[in-house]
Amino acid sequence: MEKNLNFLDRNEFNYSPSKEVVEALKNFDINKLCFYTRIYDEGKKSILSVFLSELYDIDETQVLLGYGGEDILKQAVHYFLTQEDGNKTMLIPKFSWWYYKSIADEVNGHTLQYPLYEDGNTFKYDFETLKDMIQKENPKILLLASPNNPTGNGLTPKELDELLAEVPSQTVVLIDEAYASFVSTDTSYIKKLVNKYPNLIISRTLSKFYGLPGLRMGFGFMSKELENFSRYSNKYLGYNRISEDIAIAALKSDAHYRNIAKLMNEDRERYEKEIGVLPGFKVYESVANFILIKYPIELKEALQKAFAEQSYKVKFMNEPDINTHLRITLGRPEQNRIVIDTIKEIASK
């Protein structure tokens, strides 16, 4: 009988949901499905948008909801790259999620990549080159990922503020913060930035830190000046009531997920300590739920075979300039132990 596969190539969640999430689903009132979720009399999107407004101390009209962060990103790219000005240029990181280019291609967008560079055992955005590209290309959208997938590097609120100050108001800045909750509990910068810059959208999700990719629930925040996009994005009759109740339960049980993030941090350190010292290997710093490892390319076939024999799937990167790297989702401690031991065994041969 075939072993169950361990998927450490998708940046999914290998732990259990919080007890609050389990209770929310178990005790869900089925009669709620008989009604739309939009709060008509108050002109609000839903109970989730109201909850997020209070949680982040941001006006409810500035809250965005979507079926996963991907939905918000796709809506924003499709909307802004099809405006009457005809500007279809979007800047994206060189090493990033393939989805960014894909959704721009769907509306005949023109994507240009701005560079990242290695600094020791981390990647960083090349801000000077990026600023030059913004001036030269006059993009309709500047897409930032913080933390970035697959490199694992993020931007501090100070770095974001300084960069946003350099971007002209006609360029929409779209920040994918799918993994940002792994970085810090302080989200006060979001309100400051969306109220300071009229061209800003920040997208988040319940899929990564809160471990609910199957829920398909994302949220975001935008400046008030982008209200036309909000009207385009909003679902007139509301959203999925079950998903909203579970999302609120997850957001209320932050301590559960902080404890899991702590376990991930400990295992990340084990990767750095045990794999980073192997000849030809390099473990990059990451502030997300995955790590990026550079390995000797001659070991690729042996590593792939060894992981397959263990019924483990990890992500071998194929893109130019990063095709000697693999990205590994941080699983449970016992899963991470198997991955580390597998790499060490192949490296020792």
Protein backbone atom coordinates (compact mmCIF):
# COMPACT_ATOMS: atom_id res chain seq x y z
CA MET A 1 0.00 0.00 0.00
CA GLU A 2 1.34 3.42 -0.99
CA LYS A 3 2.40 5.69 1.85
CA ASN A 4 0.57 8.93 2.39
CA LEU A 5 2.48 11.75 0.77
CA ASN A 6 3.87 14.55 2.90
CA PHE A 7 3.39 17.76 0.95
CA LEU A 8 6.15 20.16 1.95
CA ASP A 9 6.14 21.87 -1.44
CA ARG A 10 2.96 23.96 -1.19
CA ASN A 11 3.51 26.12 1.91
CA GLU A 12 0.42 24.59 3.47
CA PHE A 13 -0.27 23.92 7.14
CA ASN A 14 0.76 20.60 8.68
CA TYR A 15 -0.65 21.27 12.14
CA SER A 16 -4.25 21.24 13.41
CA PRO A 17 -6.57 24.26 13.54
CA SER A 18 -7.23 25.96 16.86
CA LYS A 19 -9.95 24.62 19.14
CA GLU A 20 -11.87 27.84 18.49
CA VAL A 21 -11.92 27.06 14.77
CA VAL A 22 -13.11 23.51 15.42
CA GLU A 23 -15.86 24.76 17.73
CA ALA A 24 -16.96 27.41 15.23
CA LEU A 25 -17.48 24.77 12.58
CA LYS A 26 -19.07 22.25 14.93
CA ASN A 27 -21.50 24.79 16.37
CA PHE A 28 -22.31 26.64 13.15
CA ASP A 29 -25.98 27.59 12.94
CA ILE A 30 -27.14 26.15 9.63
CA ASN A 31 -30.02 28.63 9.53
CA LYS A 32 -27.50 31.40 8.84
CA LEU A 33 -27.19 30.02 5.32
CA CYS A 34 -30.77 31.07 4.63
CA PHE A 35 -29.76 34.73 4.50
CA TYR A 36 -27.27 36.89 2.62
CA THR A 37 -24.28 38.00 4.64
CA ARG A 38 -24.18 41.63 3.61
CA ILE A 39 -25.26 44.02 6.37
CA TYR A 40 -27.72 46.00 4.26
CA ASP A 41 -28.96 48.55 6.78
CA GLU A 42 -25.43 49.72 7.63
CA GLY A 43 -23.95 49.50 4.14
CA LYS A 44 -21.26 47.12 5.42
CA LYS A 45 -19.77 44.22 3.48
CA SER A 46 -20.20 41.55 6.13
CA ILE A 47 -19.53 40.51 9.71
CA LEU A 48 -15.93 39.71 8.75
CA SER A 49 -15.21 43.14 7.30
CA VAL A 50 -16.62 44.72 10.46
CA PHE A 51 -14.49 42.44 12.63
CA LEU A 52 -11.35 43.23 10.63
CA SER A 53 -12.13 46.94 10.81
CA GLU A 54 -12.17 46.74 14.60
CA LEU A 55 -9.17 44.41 14.81
CA TYR A 56 -6.93 46.62 12.66
CA ASP A 57 -8.56 49.92 13.69
CA ILE A 58 -9.24 50.82 10.07
CA ASP A 59 -12.41 52.22 8.54
CA GLU A 60 -14.64 49.40 7.25
CA THR A 61 -14.80 51.02 3.82
CA GLN A 62 -11.05 50.41 3.51
CA VAL A 63 -11.35 46.67 4.17
CA LEU A 64 -11.23 44.28 1.22
CA LEU A 65 -12.45 40.69 1.23
CA GLY A 66 -11.78 37.92 -1.23
CA TYR A 67 -11.76 34.18 -1.71
CA GLY A 68 -8.14 33.87 -0.70
CA GLY A 69 -5.41 36.45 -1.10
CA GLU A 70 -5.08 35.33 -4.71
CA ASP A 71 -8.59 36.64 -5.39
CA ILE A 72 -7.74 40.12 -4.13
CA LEU A 73 -4.47 40.17 -6.08
CA LYS A 74 -6.19 39.03 -9.26
CA GLN A 75 -8.99 41.57 -8.94
CA ALA A 76 -6.52 44.40 -8.39
CA VAL A 77 -4.30 43.44 -11.31
CA HIS A 78 -7.25 42.95 -13.67
CA TYR A 79 -8.86 46.22 -12.61
CA PHE A 80 -5.86 48.52 -12.78
CA LEU A 81 -4.32 47.04 -15.93
CA THR A 82 -7.52 47.60 -17.91
CA GLN A 83 -8.01 51.31 -17.26
CA GLU A 84 -8.64 53.86 -20.00
CA ASP A 85 -5.10 55.21 -19.82
CA GLY A 86 -3.90 52.00 -21.49
CA ASN A 87 -1.00 51.53 -19.09
CA LYS A 88 -0.51 47.76 -18.74
CA THR A 89 2.94 47.69 -17.13
CA MET A 90 3.44 45.93 -13.82
CA LEU A 91 6.72 45.51 -11.93
CA ILE A 92 7.21 42.26 -10.00
CA PRO A 93 10.15 40.71 -8.11
CA LYS A 94 12.54 38.61 -10.21
CA PHE A 95 12.20 35.60 -7.91
CA SER A 96 8.54 35.44 -6.94
CA TRP A 97 5.26 33.59 -7.21
CA TRP A 98 4.53 32.67 -10.84
CA TYR A 99 0.91 33.70 -10.28
CA TYR A 100 1.76 37.41 -10.44
CA LYS A 101 2.75 37.26 -14.10
CA SER A 102 -0.05 34.84 -14.91
CA ILE A 103 -2.84 37.16 -13.77
CA ALA A 104 -1.28 40.06 -15.67
CA ASP A 105 -1.06 37.91 -18.80
CA GLU A 106 -4.80 37.26 -18.54
CA VAL A 107 -5.44 40.92 -19.39
CA ASN A 108 -2.48 41.28 -21.77
CA GLY A 109 -0.41 43.00 -19.12
CA HIS A 110 3.28 43.72 -19.51
CA THR A 111 5.33 42.46 -16.56
CA LEU A 112 8.89 43.54 -15.87
CA GLN A 113 11.06 42.03 -13.16
CA TYR A 114 13.05 44.09 -10.70
CA PRO A 115 16.07 42.41 -9.10
CA LEU A 116 16.85 40.89 -5.76
CA TYR A 117 20.40 40.24 -4.67
CA GLU A 118 22.10 37.97 -2.18
CA ASP A 119 23.56 39.56 0.93
CA GLY A 120 25.20 36.88 3.01
CA ASN A 121 22.56 34.27 3.75
CA THR A 122 19.57 36.39 2.80
CA PHE A 123 18.00 38.01 -0.24
CA LYS A 124 17.22 41.71 -0.45
CA TYR A 125 15.34 43.92 -2.85
CA ASP A 126 17.55 46.13 -5.00
CA PHE A 127 15.89 49.42 -4.09
CA GLU A 128 18.09 51.64 -6.25
CA THR A 129 17.42 49.65 -9.40
CA LEU A 130 13.74 49.46 -8.51
CA LYS A 131 13.50 53.24 -8.11
CA ASP A 132 15.20 53.71 -11.48
CA MET A 133 12.74 51.30 -13.10
CA ILE A 134 9.78 53.14 -11.59
CA GLN A 135 10.99 56.41 -13.09
CA LYS A 136 11.82 54.88 -16.46
CA GLU A 137 8.86 52.55 -16.96
CA ASN A 138 6.08 54.55 -15.23
CA PRO A 139 4.31 51.31 -14.23
CA LYS A 140 0.61 51.13 -13.53
CA ILE A 141 1.27 48.65 -10.71
CA LEU A 142 4.26 48.02 -8.49
CA LEU A 143 3.83 44.64 -6.82
CA LEU A 144 5.81 43.90 -3.67
CA ALA A 145 5.82 40.66 -1.71
CA SER A 146 6.72 40.87 1.96
CA PRO A 147 7.79 38.25 2.88
CA ASN A 148 8.65 37.14 -0.63
CA ASN A 149 8.08 33.62 -1.88
CA PRO A 150 10.42 31.74 -2.43
CA THR A 151 13.30 33.83 -1.07
CA GLY A 152 11.79 34.37 2.40
CA ASN A 153 12.92 37.99 2.82
CA GLY A 154 10.59 40.74 3.97
CA LEU A 155 10.42 44.51 4.25
CA THR A 156 10.25 46.41 7.51
CA PRO A 157 7.54 49.08 7.96
CA LYS A 158 10.30 51.69 7.74
CA GLU A 159 11.56 50.28 4.43
CA LEU A 160 8.02 50.18 3.07
CA ASP A 161 7.41 53.78 4.08
CA GLU A 162 10.65 54.97 2.50
CA LEU A 163 9.95 53.11 -0.74
CA LEU A 164 6.33 54.27 -0.96
CA ALA A 165 7.51 57.86 -0.64
CA GLU A 166 9.44 57.37 -3.90
CA VAL A 167 6.50 56.01 -5.89
CA PRO A 168 4.38 58.49 -7.90
CA SER A 169 0.70 58.54 -7.01
CA GLN A 170 -0.38 57.29 -10.44
CA THR A 171 1.35 53.97 -9.76
CA VAL A 172 -0.71 51.61 -7.63
CA VAL A 173 1.38 49.77 -5.05
CA LEU A 174 0.07 46.27 -4.39
CA ILE A 175 1.71 44.50 -1.43
CA ASP A 176 1.23 40.77 -1.01
CA GLU A 177 1.53 40.08 2.73
CA ALA A 178 0.37 36.47 2.67
CA TYR A 179 3.16 35.47 5.07
CA ALA A 180 3.43 38.70 7.07
CA SER A 181 1.83 37.37 10.26
CA PHE A 182 4.88 35.16 10.76
CA VAL A 183 7.04 38.28 11.07
CA SER A 184 5.40 40.35 13.79
CA THR A 185 2.27 40.84 15.85
CA ASP A 186 2.48 44.60 15.27
CA THR A 187 0.14 45.57 12.44
CA SER A 188 -0.24 49.24 13.36
CA TYR A 189 1.84 50.24 10.33
CA ILE A 190 -0.93 49.09 7.99
CA LYS A 191 -3.33 51.82 9.09
CA LYS A 192 -0.57 54.43 8.95
CA LEU A 193 0.48 53.48 5.43
CA VAL A 194 -2.96 53.13 3.82
CA ASN A 195 -3.97 56.49 5.30
CA LYS A 196 -0.73 58.15 4.22
CA TYR A 197 -0.45 56.89 0.64
CA PRO A 198 -3.43 57.23 -1.73
CA ASN A 199 -2.24 54.48 -4.07
CA LEU A 200 -1.78 51.56 -1.67
CA ILE A 201 -3.40 48.12 -1.40
CA ILE A 202 -2.23 45.49 1.10
CA SER A 203 -3.41 41.90 0.70
CA ARG A 204 -3.42 39.24 3.43
CA THR A 205 -4.85 35.75 3.83
CA LEU A 206 -6.04 33.09 6.26
CA SER A 207 -4.13 30.43 4.30
CA LYS A 208 -0.62 30.68 5.73
CA PHE A 209 -0.17 31.79 9.35
CA TYR A 210 -3.71 30.73 10.26
CA GLY A 211 -3.32 27.49 8.34
CA LEU A 212 -6.66 27.49 6.53
CA PRO A 213 -5.91 27.36 2.78
CA GLY A 214 -8.99 25.21 2.24
CA LEU A 215 -11.16 27.98 3.68
CA ARG A 216 -10.38 30.24 0.69
CA MET A 217 -10.62 33.46 2.66
CA GLY A 218 -8.45 36.51 2.13
CA PHE A 219 -8.62 40.11 3.23
CA GLY A 220 -6.85 43.36 2.62
CA PHE A 221 -6.77 47.10 3.17
CA MET A 222 -6.62 50.05 0.81
CA SER A 223 -6.43 53.81 0.81
CA LYS A 224 -9.76 55.66 0.70
CA GLU A 225 -8.82 57.20 -2.63
CA LEU A 226 -9.19 53.78 -4.28
CA GLU A 227 -12.91 53.51 -3.54
CA ASN A 228 -13.67 52.76 -7.21
CA PHE A 229 -11.66 49.57 -6.90
CA SER A 230 -13.57 48.70 -3.73
CA ARG A 231 -16.86 48.96 -5.60
CA TYR A 232 -15.42 46.72 -8.32
CA SER A 233 -14.08 44.20 -5.80
CA ASN A 234 -16.96 43.91 -3.35
CA LYS A 235 -19.45 41.08 -3.63
CA TYR A 236 -22.85 42.77 -3.63
CA LEU A 237 -24.64 40.05 -1.67
CA GLY A 238 -21.80 39.27 0.68
CA TYR A 239 -19.49 36.32 1.23
CA ASN A 240 -19.51 32.74 2.48
CA ARG A 241 -21.06 32.75 5.96
CA ILE A 242 -19.35 29.54 7.11
CA SER A 243 -15.95 30.78 5.96
CA GLU A 244 -16.49 34.11 7.70
CA ASP A 245 -17.39 32.52 11.03
CA ILE A 246 -14.35 30.24 10.87
CA ALA A 247 -12.10 33.14 9.83
CA ILE A 248 -13.20 35.19 12.83
CA ALA A 249 -12.60 32.22 15.13
CA ALA A 250 -9.08 31.83 13.72
CA LEU A 251 -8.29 35.51 14.10
CA LYS A 252 -9.47 35.35 17.72
CA SER A 253 -7.17 32.42 18.53
CA ASP A 254 -3.89 34.11 17.71
CA ALA A 255 -2.05 32.49 20.63
CA HIS A 256 -2.55 29.01 19.15
CA TYR A 257 -0.90 30.02 15.91
CA ARG A 258 1.86 31.97 17.65
CA ASN A 259 2.84 28.78 19.46
CA ILE A 260 3.03 26.93 16.15
CA ALA A 261 5.10 29.74 14.64
CA LYS A 262 7.49 29.33 17.57
CA LEU A 263 7.91 25.64 16.74
CA MET A 264 8.61 26.60 13.14
CA ASN A 265 11.27 29.05 14.27
CA GLU A 266 12.97 26.30 16.28
CA ASP A 267 12.96 23.95 13.29
CA ARG A 268 14.21 26.72 11.03
CA GLU A 269 17.20 27.04 13.32
CA ARG A 270 17.78 23.28 13.08
CA TYR A 271 17.91 23.55 9.29
CA GLU A 272 20.43 26.37 9.54
CA LYS A 273 22.55 24.51 12.10
CA GLU A 274 22.53 21.07 10.47
CA ILE A 275 22.16 21.76 6.73
CA GLY A 276 23.93 25.10 6.53
CA VAL A 277 27.26 23.48 7.49
CA LEU A 278 27.17 20.82 4.76
CA PRO A 279 29.63 21.35 1.86
CA GLY A 280 27.96 23.16 -1.04
CA PHE A 281 24.75 23.85 0.90
CA LYS A 282 23.39 27.22 1.98
CA VAL A 283 20.30 27.90 4.10
CA TYR A 284 18.79 31.34 3.61
CA GLU A 285 17.17 33.36 6.36
CA SER A 286 13.40 33.28 6.16
CA VAL A 287 10.62 35.07 8.00
CA ALA A 288 7.90 32.83 6.58
CA ASN A 289 6.71 29.22 6.94
CA PHE A 290 9.26 27.92 4.46
CA ILE A 291 12.98 27.97 3.89
CA LEU A 292 15.11 28.20 0.77
CA ILE A 293 18.19 26.00 0.48
CA LYS A 294 20.93 26.10 -2.13
CA TYR A 295 22.40 22.68 -2.86
CA PRO A 296 25.07 21.16 -5.16
CA ILE A 297 23.26 20.64 -8.46
CA GLU A 298 24.93 17.26 -8.97
CA LEU A 299 22.90 15.98 -6.01
CA LYS A 300 19.53 16.93 -7.48
CA GLU A 301 18.61 13.52 -8.88
CA ALA A 302 19.69 11.71 -5.71
CA LEU A 303 17.76 14.15 -3.53
CA GLN A 304 14.62 13.80 -5.64
CA LYS A 305 14.83 10.01 -5.45
CA ALA A 306 15.46 10.02 -1.70
CA PHE A 307 12.50 12.30 -0.99
CA ALA A 308 10.26 10.18 -3.23
CA GLU A 309 11.26 7.06 -1.32
CA GLN A 310 10.31 8.82 1.92
CA SER A 311 6.96 9.91 0.38
CA TYR A 312 7.95 13.55 0.78
CA LYS A 313 7.46 16.30 -1.77
CA VAL A 314 9.59 19.45 -1.65
CA LYS A 315 9.85 22.22 -4.23
CA PHE A 316 12.86 22.03 -6.55
CA MET A 317 13.16 25.44 -8.18
CA ASN A 318 13.51 25.47 -11.98
CA GLU A 319 13.65 29.18 -12.74
CA PRO A 320 16.90 30.63 -14.16
CA ASP A 321 19.43 31.81 -11.54
CA ILE A 322 17.64 29.92 -8.78
CA ASN A 323 17.53 26.41 -10.28
CA THR A 324 20.10 25.13 -7.77
CA HIS A 325 17.72 25.82 -4.89
CA LEU A 326 14.88 23.99 -3.20
CA ARG A 327 12.10 25.43 -1.09
CA ILE A 328 10.81 23.43 1.84
CA THR A 329 7.64 24.12 3.80
CA LEU A 330 8.21 23.98 7.54
CA GLY A 331 6.15 21.01 8.66
CA ARG A 332 5.76 19.38 12.04
CA PRO A 333 9.00 18.67 13.96
CA GLU A 334 8.97 14.98 13.03
CA GLN A 335 8.53 15.86 9.34
CA ASN A 336 11.34 18.39 9.44
CA ARG A 337 13.55 15.80 11.13
CA ILE A 338 13.05 13.37 8.26
CA VAL A 339 13.81 16.05 5.67
CA ILE A 340 16.99 17.12 7.46
CA ASP A 341 18.19 13.54 7.87
CA THR A 342 17.43 12.77 4.22
CA ILE A 343 19.49 15.72 3.01
CA LYS A 344 22.36 14.85 5.35
CA GLU A 345 22.38 11.25 4.17
CA ILE A 346 22.61 12.22 0.49
CA ALA A 347 25.23 14.89 1.20
CA SER A 348 27.42 12.35 3.01
CA LYS A 349 27.63 9.90 0.11
